Amino acid sequence: TNYKEMDQTHWVCYELPGKSYYYGEVSLLDKRGTAPKGQSLSRQSQEQNIKHGFGIYLYSINSEGQYSRYEGTWDRDRKHGQGKLTVPGDFTYDGDFKDGSYHEQGKMVWANGD
């Protein structure tokens, strides 16, 4: 998925704890703990937002000052569906995620090329 070709008019960008950043679609949980689609959002309520839909998450800075990066789909604040996770100097995984973990179909490439 090329996020640059997606409609980003309702995306948000904000800093999370630990010098991590998120840019993408979000939702608010309702009373049943589900993430309804099409919610309007405000910056004042960002602490209640969860990552839901497509987004880019930068986190966990390594010793060279590089961020780990996940670009893909989210479901209720967990990596879920198609995505790409890059941990600089370690590995890149491009494939399926389920409930925040690698799932079935995907390709892992280690920093040494294996």
PDB file of N, CA and C in Angstrom:
ATOM      1  N   THR A   1       0.839  -1.188   0.000  1.00  0.00           N
ATOM      2  CA  THR A   1       0.000   0.000   0.000  1.00  0.00           C
ATOM      3  C   THR A   1       0.878   1.242   0.000  1.00  0.00           C
ATOM      4  N   ASN A   2       0.593   2.151  -0.898  1.00  0.00           N
ATOM      5  CA  ASN A   2       1.325   3.402  -0.945  1.00  0.00           C
ATOM      6  C   ASN A   2       0.489   4.468  -0.229  1.00  0.00           C
ATOM      7  N   TYR A   3       0.894   4.811   0.987  1.00  0.00           N
ATOM      8  CA  TYR A   3       0.097   5.739   1.784  1.00  0.00           C
ATOM      9  C   TYR A   3       0.019   7.121   1.155  1.00  0.00           C
ATOM     10  N   LYS A   4       0.978   7.484   0.306  1.00  0.00           N
ATOM     11  CA  LYS A   4       0.961   8.809  -0.315  1.00  0.00           C
ATOM     12  C   LYS A   4      -0.197   8.962  -1.276  1.00  0.00           C
ATOM     13  N   GLU A   5      -0.756   7.854  -1.748  1.00  0.00           N
ATOM     14  CA  GLU A   5      -1.893   7.901  -2.657  1.00  0.00           C
ATOM     15  C   GLU A   5      -3.229   7.795  -1.916  1.00  0.00           C
ATOM     16  N   MET A   6      -3.201   7.648  -0.598  1.00  0.00           N
ATOM     17  CA  MET A   6      -4.423   7.500   0.196  1.00  0.00           C
ATOM     18  C   MET A   6      -4.989   8.861   0.601  1.00  0.00           C
ATOM     19  N   ASP A   7      -6.292   8.896   0.848  1.00  0.00           N
ATOM     20  CA  ASP A   7      -6.936  10.100   1.363  1.00  0.00           C
ATOM     21  C   ASP A   7      -6.523  10.270   2.825  1.00  0.00           C
ATOM     22  N   GLN A   8      -5.800  11.338   3.131  1.00  0.00           N
ATOM     23  CA  GLN A   8      -5.278  11.559   4.476  1.00  0.00           C
ATOM     24  C   GLN A   8      -5.983  12.709   5.200  1.00  0.00           C
ATOM     25  N   THR A   9      -7.127  13.130   4.710  1.00  0.00           N
ATOM     26  CA  THR A   9      -7.792  14.300   5.281  1.00  0.00           C
ATOM     27  C   THR A   9      -8.211  14.096   6.739  1.00  0.00           C
ATOM     28  N   HIS A  10      -8.422  12.870   7.174  1.00  0.00           N
ATOM     29  CA  HIS A  10      -8.836  12.627   8.559  1.00  0.00           C
ATOM     30  C   HIS A  10      -7.741  11.968   9.391  1.00  0.00           C
ATOM     31  N   TRP A  11      -6.513  11.965   8.884  1.00  0.00           N
ATOM     32  CA  TRP A  11      -5.415  11.378   9.633  1.00  0.00           C
ATOM     33  C   TRP A  11      -4.948  12.364  10.696  1.00  0.00           C
ATOM     34  N   VAL A  12      -4.361  11.840  11.731  1.00  0.00           N
ATOM     35  CA  VAL A  12      -3.789  12.678  12.780  1.00  0.00           C
ATOM     36  C   VAL A  12      -2.306  12.354  12.914  1.00  0.00           C
ATOM     37  N   CYS A  13      -1.589  13.284  13.497  1.00  0.00           N
ATOM     38  CA  CYS A  13      -0.169  13.082  13.771  1.00  0.00           C
ATOM     39  C   CYS A  13       0.072  13.544  15.196  1.00  0.00           C
ATOM     40  N   TYR A  14       0.611  12.662  16.030  1.00  0.00           N
ATOM     41  CA  TYR A  14       0.903  13.089  17.389  1.00  0.00           C
ATOM     42  C   TYR A  14       2.033  12.281  18.001  1.00  0.00           C
ATOM     43  N   GLU A  15       2.605  12.861  19.036  1.00  0.00           N
ATOM     44  CA  GLU A  15       3.696  12.220  19.766  1.00  0.00           C
ATOM     45  C   GLU A  15       3.109  11.375  20.885  1.00  0.00           C
ATOM     46  N   LEU A  16       3.656  10.184  21.034  1.00  0.00           N
ATOM     47  CA  LEU A  16       3.252   9.269  22.094  1.00  0.00           C
ATOM     48  C   LEU A  16       4.387   9.184  23.115  1.00  0.00           C
ATOM     49  N   PRO A  17       4.156   8.587  24.274  1.00  0.00           N
ATOM     50  CA  PRO A  17       5.225   8.472  25.276  1.00  0.00           C
ATOM     51  C   PRO A  17       6.455   7.763  24.708  1.00  0.00           C
ATOM     52  N   GLY A  18       7.617   8.121  25.215  1.00  0.00           N
ATOM     53  CA  GLY A  18       8.859   7.477  24.812  1.00  0.00           C
ATOM     54  C   GLY A  18       9.404   7.954  23.481  1.00  0.00           C
ATOM     55  N   LYS A  19       9.111   9.202  23.113  1.00  0.00           N
ATOM     56  CA  LYS A  19       9.581   9.771  21.845  1.00  0.00           C
ATOM     57  C   LYS A  19       9.161   8.922  20.650  1.00  0.00           C
ATOM     58  N   SER A  20       7.927   8.443  20.667  1.00  0.00           N
ATOM     59  CA  SER A  20       7.389   7.717  19.529  1.00  0.00           C
ATOM     60  C   SER A  20       6.320   8.587  18.871  1.00  0.00           C
ATOM     61  N   TYR A  21       6.077   8.318  17.596  1.00  0.00           N
ATOM     62  CA  TYR A  21       5.177   9.160  16.813  1.00  0.00           C
ATOM     63  C   TYR A  21       4.254   8.291  15.976  1.00  0.00           C
ATOM     64  N   TYR A  22       3.032   8.775  15.793  1.00  0.00           N
ATOM     65  CA  TYR A  22       2.055   8.072  14.969  1.00  0.00           C
ATOM     66  C   TYR A  22       1.427   9.054  14.001  1.00  0.00           C
ATOM     67  N   TYR A  23       1.298   8.624  12.744  1.00  0.00           N
ATOM     68  CA  TYR A  23       0.620   9.403  11.714  1.00  0.00           C
ATOM     69  C   TYR A  23      -0.305   8.454  10.978  1.00  0.00           C
ATOM     70  N   GLY A  24      -1.601   8.687  11.076  1.00  0.00           N
ATOM     71  CA  GLY A  24      -2.531   7.804  10.380  1.00  0.00           C
ATOM     72  C   GLY A  24      -3.938   7.922  10.907  1.00  0.00           C
ATOM     73  N   GLU A  25      -4.688   6.867  10.632  1.00  0.00           N
ATOM     74  CA  GLU A  25      -6.091   6.817  11.024  1.00  0.00           C
ATOM     75  C   GLU A  25      -6.208   6.386  12.484  1.00  0.00           C
ATOM     76  N   VAL A  26      -7.186   6.949  13.173  1.00  0.00           N
ATOM     77  CA  VAL A  26      -7.443   6.601  14.558  1.00  0.00           C
ATOM     78  C   VAL A  26      -8.944   6.483  14.772  1.00  0.00           C
ATOM     79  N   SER A  27      -9.299   5.946  15.908  1.00  0.00           N
ATOM     80  CA  SER A  27     -10.693   5.866  16.305  1.00  0.00           C
ATOM     81  C   SER A  27     -10.757   5.974  17.820  1.00  0.00           C
ATOM     82  N   LEU A  28     -11.928   6.126  18.319  1.00  0.00           N
ATOM     83  CA  LEU A  28     -12.166   6.120  19.761  1.00  0.00           C
ATOM     84  C   LEU A  28     -12.911   4.837  20.102  1.00  0.00           C
ATOM     85  N   LEU A  29     -12.628   4.261  21.255  1.00  0.00           N
ATOM     86  CA  LEU A  29     -13.369   3.083  21.677  1.00  0.00           C
ATOM     87  C   LEU A  29     -14.734   3.496  22.211  1.00  0.00           C
ATOM     88  N   ASP A  30     -15.758   2.728  21.864  1.00  0.00           N
ATOM     89  CA  ASP A  30     -17.068   3.003  22.446  1.00  0.00           C
ATOM     90  C   ASP A  30     -17.216   2.209  23.751  1.00  0.00           C
ATOM     91  N   LYS A  31     -18.383   2.262  24.363  1.00  0.00           N
ATOM     92  CA  LYS A  31     -18.586   1.619  25.659  1.00  0.00           C
ATOM     93  C   LYS A  31     -18.415   0.108  25.612  1.00  0.00           C
ATOM     94  N   ARG A  32     -18.583  -0.504  24.441  1.00  0.00           N
ATOM     95  CA  ARG A  32     -18.424  -1.953  24.302  1.00  0.00           C
ATOM     96  C   ARG A  32     -16.972  -2.340  24.014  1.00  0.00           C
ATOM     97  N   GLY A  33     -16.081  -1.353  23.872  1.00  0.00           N
ATOM     98  CA  GLY A  33     -14.689  -1.645  23.568  1.00  0.00           C
ATOM     99  C   GLY A  33     -14.434  -1.857  22.090  1.00  0.00           C
ATOM    100  N   THR A  34     -15.363  -1.422  21.247  1.00  0.00           N
ATOM    101  CA  THR A  34     -15.167  -1.553  19.809  1.00  0.00           C
ATOM    102  C   THR A  34     -14.795  -0.206  19.217  1.00  0.00           C
ATOM    103  N   ALA A  35     -14.197  -0.247  18.051  1.00  0.00           N
ATOM    104  CA  ALA A  35     -13.735   0.970  17.383  1.00  0.00           C
ATOM    105  C   ALA A  35     -14.669   1.287  16.218  1.00  0.00           C
ATOM    106  N   PRO A  36     -15.618   2.186  16.426  1.00  0.00           N
ATOM    107  CA  PRO A  36     -16.521   2.540  15.342  1.00  0.00           C
ATOM    108  C   PRO A  36     -15.810   3.303  14.244  1.00  0.00           C
ATOM    109  N   LYS A  37     -16.239   3.120  13.018  1.00  0.00           N
ATOM    110  CA  LYS A  37     -15.616   3.805  11.882  1.00  0.00           C
ATOM    111  C   LYS A  37     -16.236   5.176  11.680  1.00  0.00           C
ATOM    112  N   GLY A  38     -15.456   6.075  11.071  1.00  0.00           N
ATOM    113  CA  GLY A  38     -15.979   7.373  10.677  1.00  0.00           C
ATOM    114  C   GLY A  38     -16.136   8.377  11.793  1.00  0.00           C
ATOM    115  N   GLN A  39     -15.390   8.227  12.870  1.00  0.00           N
ATOM    116  CA  GLN A  39     -15.495   9.175  13.972  1.00  0.00           C
ATOM    117  C   GLN A  39     -14.762  10.464  13.646  1.00  0.00           C
ATOM    118  N   SER A  40     -15.331  11.578  14.049  1.00  0.00           N
ATOM    119  CA  SER A  40     -14.588  12.832  13.944  1.00  0.00           C
ATOM    120  C   SER A  40     -13.726  12.951  15.198  1.00  0.00           C
ATOM    121  N   LEU A  41     -12.550  13.528  15.020  1.00  0.00           N
ATOM    122  CA  LEU A  41     -11.581  13.561  16.112  1.00  0.00           C
ATOM    123  C   LEU A  41     -11.078  14.966  16.348  1.00  0.00           C
ATOM    124  N   SER A  42     -10.645  15.224  17.545  1.00  0.00           N
ATOM    125  CA  SER A  42     -10.047  16.515  17.860  1.00  0.00           C
ATOM    126  C   SER A  42      -8.717  16.278  18.555  1.00  0.00           C
ATOM    127  N   ARG A  43      -7.841  17.258  18.486  1.00  0.00           N
ATOM    128  CA  ARG A  43      -6.543  17.113  19.141  1.00  0.00           C
ATOM    129  C   ARG A  43      -6.700  16.991  20.659  1.00  0.00           C
ATOM    130  N   GLN A  44      -7.732  17.598  21.220  1.00  0.00           N
ATOM    131  CA  GLN A  44      -7.921  17.530  22.663  1.00  0.00           C
ATOM    132  C   GLN A  44      -8.213  16.102  23.127  1.00  0.00           C
ATOM    133  N   SER A  45      -8.733  15.261  22.248  1.00  0.00           N
ATOM    134  CA  SER A  45      -9.091  13.907  22.664  1.00  0.00           C
ATOM    135  C   SER A  45      -8.068  12.869  22.213  1.00  0.00           C
ATOM    136  N   GLN A  46      -6.892  13.292  21.745  1.00  0.00           N
ATOM    137  CA  GLN A  46      -5.948  12.336  21.170  1.00  0.00           C
ATOM    138  C   GLN A  46      -5.494  11.275  22.164  1.00  0.00           C
ATOM    139  N   GLU A  47      -5.473  11.579  23.465  1.00  0.00           N
ATOM    140  CA  GLU A  47      -5.040  10.569  24.412  1.00  0.00           C
ATOM    141  C   GLU A  47      -6.031   9.415  24.508  1.00  0.00           C
ATOM    142  N   GLN A  48      -7.252   9.596  24.006  1.00  0.00           N
ATOM    143  CA  GLN A  48      -8.249   8.535  23.997  1.00  0.00           C
ATOM    144  C   GLN A  48      -8.269   7.795  22.669  1.00  0.00           C
ATOM    145  N   ASN A  49      -7.572   8.322  21.668  1.00  0.00           N
ATOM    146  CA  ASN A  49      -7.558   7.700  20.358  1.00  0.00           C
ATOM    147  C   ASN A  49      -6.773   6.397  20.392  1.00  0.00           C
ATOM    148  N   ILE A  50      -7.174   5.486  19.541  1.00  0.00           N
ATOM    149  CA  ILE A  50      -6.402   4.278  19.337  1.00  0.00           C
ATOM    150  C   ILE A  50      -6.037   4.201  17.861  1.00  0.00           C
ATOM    151  N   LYS A  51      -4.917   3.559  17.575  1.00  0.00           N
ATOM    152  CA  LYS A  51      -4.511   3.351  16.192  1.00  0.00           C
ATOM    153  C   LYS A  51      -5.491   2.362  15.578  1.00  0.00           C
ATOM    154  N   HIS A  52      -6.135   2.772  14.486  1.00  0.00           N
ATOM    155  CA  HIS A  52      -7.165   1.921  13.882  1.00  0.00           C
ATOM    156  C   HIS A  52      -7.321   2.318  12.421  1.00  0.00           C
ATOM    157  N   GLY A  53      -7.021   1.415  11.506  1.00  0.00           N
ATOM    158  CA  GLY A  53      -7.012   1.718  10.083  1.00  0.00           C
ATOM    159  C   GLY A  53      -5.569   1.667   9.604  1.00  0.00           C
ATOM    160  N   PHE A  54      -5.194   2.547   8.699  1.00  0.00           N
ATOM    161  CA  PHE A  54      -3.824   2.559   8.189  1.00  0.00           C
ATOM    162  C   PHE A  54      -3.018   3.640   8.895  1.00  0.00           C
ATOM    163  N   GLY A  55      -1.758   3.323   9.224  1.00  0.00           N
ATOM    164  CA  GLY A  55      -0.929   4.326   9.862  1.00  0.00           C
ATOM    165  C   GLY A  55       0.538   3.965   9.877  1.00  0.00           C
ATOM    166  N   ILE A  56       1.339   4.954  10.229  1.00  0.00           N
ATOM    167  CA  ILE A  56       2.789   4.825  10.319  1.00  0.00           C
ATOM    168  C   ILE A  56       3.190   5.144  11.754  1.00  0.00           C
ATOM    169  N   TYR A  57       3.948   4.250  12.362  1.00  0.00           N
ATOM    170  CA  TYR A  57       4.338   4.379  13.758  1.00  0.00           C
ATOM    171  C   TYR A  57       5.862   4.320  13.842  1.00  0.00           C
ATOM    172  N   LEU A  58       6.467   5.361  14.409  1.00  0.00           N
ATOM    173  CA  LEU A  58       7.914   5.428  14.621  1.00  0.00           C
ATOM    174  C   LEU A  58       8.166   5.319  16.116  1.00  0.00           C
ATOM    175  N   TYR A  59       9.066   4.413  16.512  1.00  0.00           N
ATOM    176  CA  TYR A  59       9.281   4.168  17.940  1.00  0.00           C
ATOM    177  C   TYR A  59      10.636   3.519  18.174  1.00  0.00           C
ATOM    178  N   SER A  60      11.030   3.369  19.400  1.00  0.00           N
ATOM    179  CA  SER A  60      12.206   2.629  19.836  1.00  0.00           C
ATOM    180  C   SER A  60      13.471   3.035  19.081  1.00  0.00           C
ATOM    181  N   ILE A  61      14.064   4.144  19.498  1.00  0.00           N
ATOM    182  CA  ILE A  61      15.272   4.660  18.851  1.00  0.00           C
ATOM    183  C   ILE A  61      16.472   3.778  19.214  1.00  0.00           C
ATOM    184  N   ASN A  62      17.260   3.389  18.190  1.00  0.00           N
ATOM    185  CA  ASN A  62      18.453   2.575  18.458  1.00  0.00           C
ATOM    186  C   ASN A  62      19.649   3.470  18.785  1.00  0.00           C
ATOM    187  N   SER A  63      20.815   2.874  18.989  1.00  0.00           N
ATOM    188  CA  SER A  63      22.001   3.630  19.410  1.00  0.00           C
ATOM    189  C   SER A  63      22.487   4.617  18.344  1.00  0.00           C
ATOM    190  N   GLU A  64      22.093   4.415  17.078  1.00  0.00           N
ATOM    191  CA  GLU A  64      22.465   5.350  16.010  1.00  0.00           C
ATOM    192  C   GLU A  64      21.411   6.444  15.814  1.00  0.00           C
ATOM    193  N   GLY A  65      20.398   6.458  16.673  1.00  0.00           N
ATOM    194  CA  GLY A  65      19.350   7.473  16.578  1.00  0.00           C
ATOM    195  C   GLY A  65      18.302   7.177  15.520  1.00  0.00           C
ATOM    196  N   GLN A  66      18.223   5.923  15.068  1.00  0.00           N
ATOM    197  CA  GLN A  66      17.242   5.539  14.052  1.00  0.00           C
ATOM    198  C   GLN A  66      16.010   4.936  14.718  1.00  0.00           C
ATOM    199  N   TYR A  67      14.844   5.272  14.179  1.00  0.00           N
ATOM    200  CA  TYR A  67      13.588   4.750  14.688  1.00  0.00           C
ATOM    201  C   TYR A  67      13.243   3.411  14.042  1.00  0.00           C
ATOM    202  N   SER A  68      12.640   2.535  14.818  1.00  0.00           N
ATOM    203  CA  SER A  68      11.943   1.393  14.235  1.00  0.00           C
ATOM    204  C   SER A  68      10.668   1.954  13.611  1.00  0.00           C
ATOM    205  N   ARG A  69      10.187   1.298  12.540  1.00  0.00           N
ATOM    206  CA  ARG A  69       9.039   1.835  11.809  1.00  0.00           C
ATOM    207  C   ARG A  69       8.082   0.714  11.427  1.00  0.00           C
ATOM    208  N   TYR A  70       6.815   0.919  11.753  1.00  0.00           N
ATOM    209  CA  TYR A  70       5.755   0.036  11.259  1.00  0.00           C
ATOM    210  C   TYR A  70       4.861   0.870  10.360  1.00  0.00           C
ATOM    211  N   GLU A  71       4.633   0.373   9.162  1.00  0.00           N
ATOM    212  CA  GLU A  71       3.735   1.024   8.212  1.00  0.00           C
ATOM    213  C   GLU A  71       2.745  -0.028   7.759  1.00  0.00           C
ATOM    214  N   GLY A  72       1.483   0.159   8.112  1.00  0.00           N
ATOM    215  CA  GLY A  72       0.484  -0.836   7.742  1.00  0.00           C
ATOM    216  C   GLY A  72      -0.829  -0.609   8.455  1.00  0.00           C
ATOM    217  N   THR A  73      -1.625  -1.665   8.504  1.00  0.00           N
ATOM    218  CA  THR A  73      -2.965  -1.552   9.079  1.00  0.00           C
ATOM    219  C   THR A  73      -2.962  -1.904  10.565  1.00  0.00           C
ATOM    220  N   TRP A  74      -3.912  -1.281  11.249  1.00  0.00           N
ATOM    221  CA  TRP A  74      -4.092  -1.439  12.691  1.00  0.00           C
ATOM    222  C   TRP A  74      -5.536  -1.836  12.970  1.00  0.00           C
ATOM    223  N   ASP A  75      -5.727  -2.598  14.032  1.00  0.00           N
ATOM    224  CA  ASP A  75      -7.059  -2.922  14.520  1.00  0.00           C
ATOM    225  C   ASP A  75      -7.044  -2.765  16.028  1.00  0.00           C
ATOM    226  N   ARG A  76      -7.777  -1.794  16.527  1.00  0.00           N
ATOM    227  CA  ARG A  76      -7.867  -1.521  17.961  1.00  0.00           C
ATOM    228  C   ARG A  76      -6.497  -1.464  18.643  1.00  0.00           C
ATOM    229  N   ASP A  77      -5.602  -0.656  18.054  1.00  0.00           N
ATOM    230  CA  ASP A  77      -4.286  -0.364  18.632  1.00  0.00           C
ATOM    231  C   ASP A  77      -3.272  -1.496  18.477  1.00  0.00           C
ATOM    232  N   ARG A  78      -3.567  -2.495  17.661  1.00  0.00           N
ATOM    233  CA  ARG A  78      -2.630  -3.600  17.427  1.00  0.00           C
ATOM    234  C   ARG A  78      -2.350  -3.724  15.937  1.00  0.00           C
ATOM    235  N   LYS A  79      -1.113  -4.059  15.586  1.00  0.00           N
ATOM    236  CA  LYS A  79      -0.770  -4.341  14.195  1.00  0.00           C
ATOM    237  C   LYS A  79      -1.638  -5.506  13.745  1.00  0.00           C
ATOM    238  N   HIS A  80      -2.366  -5.320  12.651  1.00  0.00           N
ATOM    239  CA  HIS A  80      -3.294  -6.363  12.227  1.00  0.00           C
ATOM    240  C   HIS A  80      -3.591  -6.190  10.745  1.00  0.00           C
ATOM    241  N   GLY A  81      -3.290  -7.214   9.957  1.00  0.00           N
ATOM    242  CA  GLY A  81      -3.458  -7.136   8.513  1.00  0.00           C
ATOM    243  C   GLY A  81      -2.096  -6.989   7.850  1.00  0.00           C
ATOM    244  N   GLN A  82      -2.062  -6.347   6.709  1.00  0.00           N
ATOM    245  CA  GLN A  82      -0.833  -6.185   5.937  1.00  0.00           C
ATOM    246  C   GLN A  82       0.019  -5.047   6.508  1.00  0.00           C
ATOM    247  N   GLY A  83       1.331  -5.290   6.635  1.00  0.00           N
ATOM    248  CA  GLY A  83       2.210  -4.241   7.137  1.00  0.00           C
ATOM    249  C   GLY A  83       3.674  -4.564   6.917  1.00  0.00           C
ATOM    250  N   LYS A  84       4.487  -3.558   7.184  1.00  0.00           N
ATOM    251  CA  LYS A  84       5.936  -3.708   7.070  1.00  0.00           C
ATOM    252  C   LYS A  84       6.572  -3.132   8.321  1.00  0.00           C
ATOM    253  N   LEU A  85       7.377  -3.954   8.988  1.00  0.00           N
ATOM    254  CA  LEU A  85       8.067  -3.552  10.202  1.00  0.00           C
ATOM    255  C   LEU A  85       9.563  -3.542   9.913  1.00  0.00           C
ATOM    256  N   THR A  86      10.206  -2.404  10.153  1.00  0.00           N
ATOM    257  CA  THR A  86      11.643  -2.266   9.945  1.00  0.00           C
ATOM    258  C   THR A  86      12.303  -1.884  11.259  1.00  0.00           C
ATOM    259  N   VAL A  87      13.265  -2.703  11.685  1.00  0.00           N
ATOM    260  CA  VAL A  87      14.073  -2.420  12.871  1.00  0.00           C
ATOM    261  C   VAL A  87      15.500  -2.220  12.352  1.00  0.00           C
ATOM    262  N   PRO A  88      15.954  -0.958  12.228  1.00  0.00           N
ATOM    263  CA  PRO A  88      17.264  -0.678  11.634  1.00  0.00           C
ATOM    264  C   PRO A  88      18.394  -1.460  12.302  1.00  0.00           C
ATOM    265  N   GLY A  89      19.253  -2.030  11.459  1.00  0.00           N
ATOM    266  CA  GLY A  89      20.384  -2.798  11.968  1.00  0.00           C
ATOM    267  C   GLY A  89      20.017  -4.186  12.432  1.00  0.00           C
ATOM    268  N   ASP A  90      18.751  -4.586  12.310  1.00  0.00           N
ATOM    269  CA  ASP A  90      18.312  -5.888  12.797  1.00  0.00           C
ATOM    270  C   ASP A  90      17.560  -6.669  11.715  1.00  0.00           C
ATOM    271  N   PHE A  91      16.338  -6.233  11.350  1.00  0.00           N
ATOM    272  CA  PHE A  91      15.552  -6.955  10.366  1.00  0.00           C
ATOM    273  C   PHE A  91      14.444  -6.093   9.775  1.00  0.00           C
ATOM    274  N   THR A  92      13.861  -6.605   8.680  1.00  0.00           N
ATOM    275  CA  THR A  92      12.638  -6.061   8.094  1.00  0.00           C
ATOM    276  C   THR A  92      11.688  -7.224   7.875  1.00  0.00           C
ATOM    277  N   TYR A  93      10.453  -7.067   8.302  1.00  0.00           N
ATOM    278  CA  TYR A  93       9.406  -8.061   8.062  1.00  0.00           C
ATOM    279  C   TYR A  93       8.321  -7.384   7.257  1.00  0.00           C
ATOM    280  N   ASP A  94       7.949  -8.004   6.142  1.00  0.00           N
ATOM    281  CA  ASP A  94       6.905  -7.482   5.272  1.00  0.00           C
ATOM    282  C   ASP A  94       5.884  -8.589   5.081  1.00  0.00           C
ATOM    283  N   GLY A  95       4.680  -8.397   5.603  1.00  0.00           N
ATOM    284  CA  GLY A  95       3.677  -9.454   5.490  1.00  0.00           C
ATOM    285  C   GLY A  95       2.497  -9.240   6.402  1.00  0.00           C
ATOM    286  N   ASP A  96       1.909 -10.350   6.815  1.00  0.00           N
ATOM    287  CA  ASP A  96       0.690 -10.332   7.621  1.00  0.00           C
ATOM    288  C   ASP A  96       0.990 -10.232   9.115  1.00  0.00           C
ATOM    289  N   PHE A  97       0.123  -9.500   9.801  1.00  0.00           N
ATOM    290  CA  PHE A  97       0.144  -9.405  11.254  1.00  0.00           C
ATOM    291  C   PHE A  97      -1.235  -9.781  11.770  1.00  0.00           C
ATOM    292  N   LYS A  98      -1.269 -10.354  12.950  1.00  0.00           N
ATOM    293  CA  LYS A  98      -2.537 -10.656  13.609  1.00  0.00           C
ATOM    294  C   LYS A  98      -2.387 -10.370  15.093  1.00  0.00           C
ATOM    295  N   ASP A  99      -3.255  -9.530  15.605  1.00  0.00           N
ATOM    296  CA  ASP A  99      -3.252  -9.182  17.029  1.00  0.00           C
ATOM    297  C   ASP A  99      -1.884  -8.727  17.521  1.00  0.00           C
ATOM    298  N   GLY A 100      -1.153  -7.981  16.674  1.00  0.00           N
ATOM    299  CA  GLY A 100       0.114  -7.390  17.073  1.00  0.00           C
ATOM    300  C   GLY A 100       1.345  -8.225  16.783  1.00  0.00           C
ATOM    301  N   SER A 101       1.184  -9.443  16.261  1.00  0.00           N
ATOM    302  CA  SER A 101       2.316 -10.333  16.009  1.00  0.00           C
ATOM    303  C   SER A 101       2.386 -10.746  14.544  1.00  0.00           C
ATOM    304  N   TYR A 102       3.560 -11.244  14.129  1.00  0.00           N
ATOM    305  CA  TYR A 102       3.710 -11.779  12.777  1.00  0.00           C
ATOM    306  C   TYR A 102       2.708 -12.918  12.605  1.00  0.00           C
ATOM    307  N   HIS A 103       2.200 -13.080  11.376  1.00  0.00           N
ATOM    308  CA  HIS A 103       1.187 -14.104  11.179  1.00  0.00           C
ATOM    309  C   HIS A 103       1.287 -14.706   9.783  1.00  0.00           C
ATOM    310  N   GLU A 104       1.575 -15.967   9.720  1.00  0.00           N
ATOM    311  CA  GLU A 104       1.540 -16.808   8.524  1.00  0.00           C
ATOM    312  C   GLU A 104       2.350 -16.296   7.346  1.00  0.00           C
ATOM    313  N   GLN A 105       1.785 -15.463   6.493  1.00  0.00           N
ATOM    314  CA  GLN A 105       2.438 -15.063   5.253  1.00  0.00           C
ATOM    315  C   GLN A 105       3.277 -13.808   5.458  1.00  0.00           C
ATOM    316  N   GLY A 106       4.558 -13.908   5.160  1.00  0.00           N
ATOM    317  CA  GLY A 106       5.424 -12.744   5.262  1.00  0.00           C
ATOM    318  C   GLY A 106       6.854 -13.111   4.949  1.00  0.00           C
ATOM    319  N   LYS A 107       7.661 -12.075   4.767  1.00  0.00           N
ATOM    320  CA  LYS A 107       9.069 -12.282   4.452  1.00  0.00           C
ATOM    321  C   LYS A 107       9.909 -11.521   5.477  1.00  0.00           C
ATOM    322  N   MET A 108      10.816 -12.263   6.129  1.00  0.00           N
ATOM    323  CA  MET A 108      11.729 -11.692   7.103  1.00  0.00           C
ATOM    324  C   MET A 108      13.094 -11.596   6.437  1.00  0.00           C
ATOM    325  N   VAL A 109      13.697 -10.419   6.445  1.00  0.00           N
ATOM    326  CA  VAL A 109      15.050 -10.214   5.923  1.00  0.00           C
ATOM    327  C   VAL A 109      15.885  -9.618   7.042  1.00  0.00           C
ATOM    328  N   TRP A 110      16.939 -10.339   7.422  1.00  0.00           N
ATOM    329  CA  TRP A 110      17.823  -9.874   8.480  1.00  0.00           C
ATOM    330  C   TRP A 110      18.805  -8.862   7.925  1.00  0.00           C
ATOM    331  N   ALA A 111      19.370  -8.043   8.783  1.00  0.00           N
ATOM    332  CA  ALA A 111      20.297  -6.984   8.369  1.00  0.00           C
ATOM    333  C   ALA A 111      21.507  -7.538   7.622  1.00  0.00           C
ATOM    334  N   ASN A 112      21.898  -8.769   7.906  1.00  0.00           N
ATOM    335  CA  ASN A 112      23.034  -9.379   7.223  1.00  0.00           C
ATOM    336  C   ASN A 112      22.657  -9.974   5.871  1.00  0.00           C
ATOM    337  N   GLY A 113      21.373  -9.816   5.475  1.00  0.00           N
ATOM    338  CA  GLY A 113      20.920 -10.303   4.171  1.00  0.00           C
ATOM    339  C   GLY A 113      20.272 -11.660   4.174  1.00  0.00           C
ATOM    340  N   ASP A 114      20.336 -12.390   5.278  1.00  0.00           N
ATOM    341  CA  ASP A 114      19.715 -13.718   5.362  1.00  0.00           C
ATOM    342  C   ASP A 114      18.206 -13.639   5.414  1.00  0.00           C
TER     343      ASP A 114
END
